[in-house]
Amino acid sequence: MSAHVKRIGLLCAPVVALLFVWEIISRSAVINPLLFPPPSLVALALWELIRNGVLIVDAAVSLWRVLAGLSIGILLGVSTGLLTGRMQTLDSVMSPAINFLRPLPPVAIIPIVIVWLGIDDAAKIFSIALAVFFPVWLNTHIGAQRVVQEYLWSAELLTRSKFTIFSRVVLPAALPFIVAGVRTAISTAFIMVFVSELAGAQSGLGYRISITQLAYRVDQMMAGLVVLALFSALCDRVFTRTVLRLFPWLSLHQ
């Protein structure tokens, strides 16, 4: 048996065991199956939602909102973090304001964003982008500040171009921190899209889960949560694989 097959087996074994225990407990008399349906019924509910077409539409809408909010938040977070991390003047002006807002729970901004922007996609994308901005900014800011000074001195001996030093020294040194911030931002984005779709939405996975909750379809609620979790894990996996392919020297475990 190859090492790759063994690795897949080790990854799948806990999941299979969990599903088996879940199935047994749900079908026993210990817990009401209407409140805690077994995986087999959740799978049937998932197939029903897919066959009806509603889940595909809702998943596509949620994924679009996540990707749009992530893109905006990451772009602003990385660029601002690099600037505040390397420029003392900008750091003293911008960082206090950012650090004042950063401890605010991201979901707390949703009601006021709805008042400002309404209930369309703009409000949801703005909420996601704002929530994503803070972890990306913080990690990028710290990474840019921790560039080894000797590297900068050596680079200044070779070139006087600030752009070259920034792109060849500062950015690669901060990259592990940026990657960590983006991975945190991915999970934050899916949390935000779920919560933002619970209020005033007409589509999306959060909306679908809230509708099935009103109908007391716990199996469909769990199916929606499974899809949301799979999307979040898949986005993180695609991101880490892409980063490793582009930057093989980068360790994602640091």
Protein backbone atom coordinates (compact mmCIF):
# COMPACT_ATOMS: atom_id res chain seq x y z
CA MET A 1 0.00 0.00 0.00
CA SER A 2 1.46 3.36 -1.01
CA ALA A 3 2.07 6.19 1.43
CA HIS A 4 -0.52 8.32 -0.38
CA VAL A 5 -3.25 5.70 0.10
CA LYS A 6 -2.31 5.30 3.76
CA ARG A 7 -2.52 9.03 4.27
CA ILE A 8 -5.98 9.16 2.69
CA GLY A 9 -7.06 6.26 4.87
CA LEU A 10 -5.84 7.99 8.02
CA LEU A 11 -7.70 11.15 7.05
CA CYS A 12 -10.94 9.34 6.21
CA ALA A 13 -11.00 6.91 9.13
CA PRO A 14 -11.99 9.46 11.83
CA VAL A 15 -14.70 10.91 9.57
CA VAL A 16 -16.15 7.47 8.82
CA ALA A 17 -16.06 6.57 12.52
CA LEU A 18 -17.80 9.82 13.44
CA LEU A 19 -20.53 9.27 10.84
CA PHE A 20 -21.03 5.69 12.04
CA VAL A 21 -21.42 6.75 15.68
CA TRP A 22 -23.69 9.61 14.63
CA GLU A 23 -25.90 7.19 12.64
CA ILE A 24 -26.16 4.74 15.54
CA ILE A 25 -26.98 7.41 18.12
CA SER A 26 -29.56 9.13 15.91
CA ARG A 27 -31.37 5.88 15.13
CA SER A 28 -31.46 4.80 18.76
CA ALA A 29 -34.13 5.91 21.20
CA VAL A 30 -31.69 8.15 23.04
CA ILE A 31 -32.23 11.25 20.86
CA ASN A 32 -35.24 12.33 18.84
CA PRO A 33 -34.26 11.77 15.16
CA LEU A 34 -36.31 14.82 14.18
CA LEU A 35 -33.97 16.98 16.24
CA PHE A 36 -30.79 15.07 15.41
CA PRO A 37 -31.28 13.26 12.09
CA PRO A 38 -28.77 10.57 11.09
CA PRO A 39 -26.22 11.20 8.32
CA SER A 40 -28.19 9.01 5.92
CA LEU A 41 -31.22 11.32 6.16
CA VAL A 42 -29.00 14.39 5.91
CA ALA A 43 -27.52 12.96 2.71
CA LEU A 44 -31.01 12.36 1.32
CA ALA A 45 -32.00 15.92 2.22
CA LEU A 46 -28.85 17.20 0.53
CA TRP A 47 -29.69 15.29 -2.64
CA GLU A 48 -33.27 16.61 -2.53
CA LEU A 49 -32.02 20.21 -2.35
CA ILE A 50 -29.55 19.61 -5.18
CA ARG A 51 -32.18 17.92 -7.37
CA ASN A 52 -34.59 20.81 -6.84
CA GLY A 53 -31.88 23.23 -7.92
CA VAL A 54 -32.27 25.58 -4.97
CA LEU A 55 -29.07 24.52 -3.23
CA ILE A 56 -26.92 25.07 -6.31
CA VAL A 57 -28.27 28.60 -6.74
CA ASP A 58 -27.87 29.44 -3.05
CA ALA A 59 -24.37 27.99 -2.92
CA ALA A 60 -23.31 29.96 -6.00
CA VAL A 61 -24.68 33.20 -4.55
CA SER A 62 -22.93 32.68 -1.21
CA LEU A 63 -19.66 31.74 -2.90
CA TRP A 64 -19.80 34.87 -5.07
CA ARG A 65 -20.32 37.06 -1.99
CA VAL A 66 -17.46 35.36 -0.15
CA LEU A 67 -15.01 35.68 -3.05
CA ALA A 68 -15.92 39.32 -3.66
CA GLY A 69 -15.61 40.27 0.00
CA LEU A 70 -12.40 38.26 0.41
CA SER A 71 -10.78 39.87 -2.61
CA ILE A 72 -11.55 43.40 -1.44
CA GLY A 73 -10.61 42.75 2.19
CA ILE A 74 -7.36 40.96 1.35
CA LEU A 75 -6.28 43.63 -1.14
CA LEU A 76 -6.90 46.45 1.34
CA GLY A 77 -5.49 44.51 4.30
CA VAL A 78 -2.23 43.52 2.60
CA SER A 79 -1.56 46.92 1.06
CA THR A 80 -2.39 48.82 4.25
CA GLY A 81 -0.45 46.39 6.44
CA LEU A 82 2.68 46.67 4.32
CA LEU A 83 2.50 50.48 4.42
CA THR A 84 1.89 50.78 8.16
CA GLY A 85 4.48 48.10 8.86
CA ARG A 86 7.27 49.92 7.01
CA MET A 87 6.34 53.62 7.23
CA GLN A 88 6.47 55.09 10.71
CA THR A 89 4.38 58.14 9.83
CA LEU A 90 1.52 56.08 8.43
CA ASP A 91 1.81 53.66 11.33
CA SER A 92 1.39 56.43 13.91
CA VAL A 93 -1.58 57.90 12.03
CA MET A 94 -3.52 54.80 10.90
CA SER A 95 -2.71 51.99 13.33
CA PRO A 96 -4.39 53.53 16.43
CA ALA A 97 -7.68 53.90 14.54
CA ILE A 98 -7.48 50.39 13.09
CA ASN A 99 -6.59 48.88 16.48
CA PHE A 100 -9.51 50.75 18.04
CA LEU A 101 -11.97 49.13 15.62
CA ARG A 102 -10.29 45.72 15.41
CA PRO A 103 -11.66 44.21 18.69
CA LEU A 104 -15.24 44.88 17.55
CA PRO A 105 -16.97 41.55 16.78
CA PRO A 106 -17.46 41.42 12.99
CA VAL A 107 -21.08 40.29 13.23
CA ALA A 108 -21.90 43.39 15.31
CA ILE A 109 -21.53 45.61 12.25
CA ILE A 110 -24.20 43.82 10.22
CA PRO A 111 -27.25 45.74 11.59
CA ILE A 112 -25.72 49.16 10.92
CA VAL A 113 -24.46 48.06 7.49
CA ILE A 114 -28.03 47.06 6.62
CA VAL A 115 -29.17 50.55 7.66
CA TRP A 116 -26.45 52.13 5.50
CA LEU A 117 -26.52 49.91 2.42
CA GLY A 118 -29.78 47.97 2.58
CA ILE A 119 -30.13 44.22 2.14
CA ASP A 120 -28.65 43.69 -1.31
CA ASP A 121 -25.27 42.18 -2.19
CA ALA A 122 -23.37 45.41 -1.51
CA ALA A 123 -24.15 45.24 2.21
CA LYS A 124 -23.08 41.61 2.51
CA ILE A 125 -19.88 42.08 0.51
CA PHE A 126 -19.00 45.17 2.55
CA SER A 127 -19.54 43.27 5.82
CA ILE A 128 -17.33 40.40 4.65
CA ALA A 129 -14.61 42.73 3.35
CA LEU A 130 -14.52 44.71 6.60
CA ALA A 131 -14.34 41.56 8.73
CA VAL A 132 -11.61 40.11 6.50
CA PHE A 133 -9.56 43.32 6.52
CA PHE A 134 -8.54 43.22 10.20
CA PRO A 135 -6.83 39.79 10.48
CA VAL A 136 -5.10 40.31 7.13
CA TRP A 137 -3.92 43.79 8.10
CA LEU A 138 -2.65 42.68 11.52
CA ASN A 139 -0.65 39.72 10.19
CA THR A 140 0.76 41.73 7.30
CA HIS A 141 1.63 44.65 9.59
CA ILE A 142 3.52 42.38 12.00
CA GLY A 143 5.27 40.56 9.15
CA ALA A 144 6.43 43.81 7.56
CA GLN A 145 7.74 45.07 10.90
CA ARG A 146 9.74 41.90 11.57
CA VAL A 147 11.93 42.02 8.48
CA VAL A 148 15.51 41.30 9.58
CA GLN A 149 17.40 44.59 9.48
CA GLU A 150 20.54 42.93 8.13
CA TYR A 151 18.59 41.87 5.03
CA LEU A 152 17.61 45.47 4.39
CA TRP A 153 21.18 46.72 4.85
CA SER A 154 22.46 44.09 2.43
CA ALA A 155 19.80 45.00 -0.13
CA GLU A 156 20.62 48.70 0.16
CA LEU A 157 24.23 47.91 -0.72
CA LEU A 158 23.09 46.28 -3.96
CA THR A 159 20.40 48.71 -5.09
CA ARG A 160 19.02 52.14 -4.24
CA SER A 161 15.57 51.31 -5.61
CA LYS A 162 12.99 51.36 -2.82
CA PHE A 163 10.59 49.37 -4.98
CA THR A 164 13.15 46.60 -5.55
CA ILE A 165 13.93 46.38 -1.83
CA PHE A 166 10.23 46.34 -1.02
CA SER A 167 9.32 43.67 -3.58
CA ARG A 168 12.42 41.48 -3.17
CA VAL A 169 13.00 41.71 0.59
CA VAL A 170 10.05 43.10 2.56
CA LEU A 171 7.24 41.29 0.75
CA PRO A 172 8.85 37.80 0.77
CA ALA A 173 9.75 38.21 4.45
CA ALA A 174 6.17 39.15 5.32
CA LEU A 175 4.61 36.44 3.14
CA PRO A 176 4.31 33.73 5.86
CA PHE A 177 2.40 36.21 8.02
CA ILE A 178 0.21 37.25 5.08
CA VAL A 179 -0.66 33.62 4.35
CA ALA A 180 -1.62 33.05 7.99
CA GLY A 181 -3.83 36.13 7.90
CA VAL A 182 -5.55 35.08 4.69
CA ARG A 183 -6.29 31.60 6.04
CA THR A 184 -7.91 33.17 9.08
CA ALA A 185 -9.80 35.53 6.78
CA ILE A 186 -11.23 32.65 4.74
CA SER A 187 -13.00 31.13 7.74
CA THR A 188 -14.08 34.61 8.88
CA ALA A 189 -15.60 35.29 5.45
CA PHE A 190 -17.77 32.18 5.57
CA ILE A 191 -18.94 33.05 9.08
CA MET A 192 -19.88 36.53 7.91
CA VAL A 193 -21.70 35.39 4.78
CA PHE A 194 -23.76 32.96 6.84
CA VAL A 195 -24.74 35.54 9.46
CA SER A 196 -25.37 38.32 6.93
CA GLU A 197 -27.70 36.05 4.92
CA LEU A 198 -29.81 35.31 7.98
CA ALA A 199 -31.18 38.86 7.98
CA GLY A 200 -32.95 40.34 4.99
CA ALA A 201 -31.57 37.99 2.33
CA GLN A 202 -33.53 36.33 -0.44
CA SER A 203 -30.84 33.85 -1.44
CA GLY A 204 -27.70 32.18 -0.15
CA LEU A 205 -26.88 29.29 2.16
CA GLY A 206 -27.63 31.31 5.29
CA TYR A 207 -31.03 32.23 3.89
CA ARG A 208 -31.73 28.61 2.93
CA ILE A 209 -30.79 27.35 6.40
CA SER A 210 -33.05 29.95 8.07
CA ILE A 211 -35.98 28.98 5.80
CA THR A 212 -35.57 25.28 6.56
CA GLN A 213 -35.38 26.11 10.27
CA LEU A 214 -38.80 27.77 10.05
CA ALA A 215 -40.11 24.62 8.35
CA TYR A 216 -38.53 22.47 11.08
CA ARG A 217 -36.48 20.57 8.50
CA VAL A 218 -33.43 19.88 10.62
CA ASP A 219 -32.09 17.45 8.02
CA GLN A 220 -32.02 20.21 5.40
CA MET A 221 -30.50 22.63 7.92
CA MET A 222 -27.66 20.19 8.53
CA ALA A 223 -27.26 19.64 4.80
CA GLY A 224 -26.80 23.38 4.32
CA LEU A 225 -24.26 23.52 7.15
CA VAL A 226 -22.34 20.62 5.60
CA VAL A 227 -22.14 22.45 2.27
CA LEU A 228 -21.00 25.63 4.02
CA ALA A 229 -18.28 23.74 5.90
CA LEU A 230 -17.14 21.95 2.74
CA PHE A 231 -16.87 25.23 0.85
CA SER A 232 -14.80 26.78 3.64
CA ALA A 233 -12.46 23.79 3.82
CA LEU A 234 -12.16 23.64 0.03
CA CYS A 235 -11.28 27.33 -0.26
CA ASP A 236 -8.61 26.97 2.41
CA ARG A 237 -7.23 23.88 0.69
CA VAL A 238 -7.12 25.52 -2.74
CA PHE A 239 -5.42 28.59 -1.29
CA THR A 240 -2.73 26.63 0.57
CA ARG A 241 -2.02 24.38 -2.40
CA THR A 242 -1.74 27.39 -4.70
CA VAL A 243 0.64 29.16 -2.33
CA LEU A 244 2.83 26.07 -2.00
CA ARG A 245 2.95 25.70 -5.76
CA LEU A 246 3.90 29.35 -6.28
CA PHE A 247 6.28 29.55 -3.31
CA PRO A 248 7.67 26.06 -2.54
CA TRP A 249 10.04 27.48 0.06
CA LEU A 250 7.20 28.74 2.21
CA SER A 251 6.29 26.70 5.28
CA LEU A 252 2.59 27.05 6.10
CA HIS A 253 3.11 25.65 9.58
CA GLN A 254 5.15 28.55 10.92
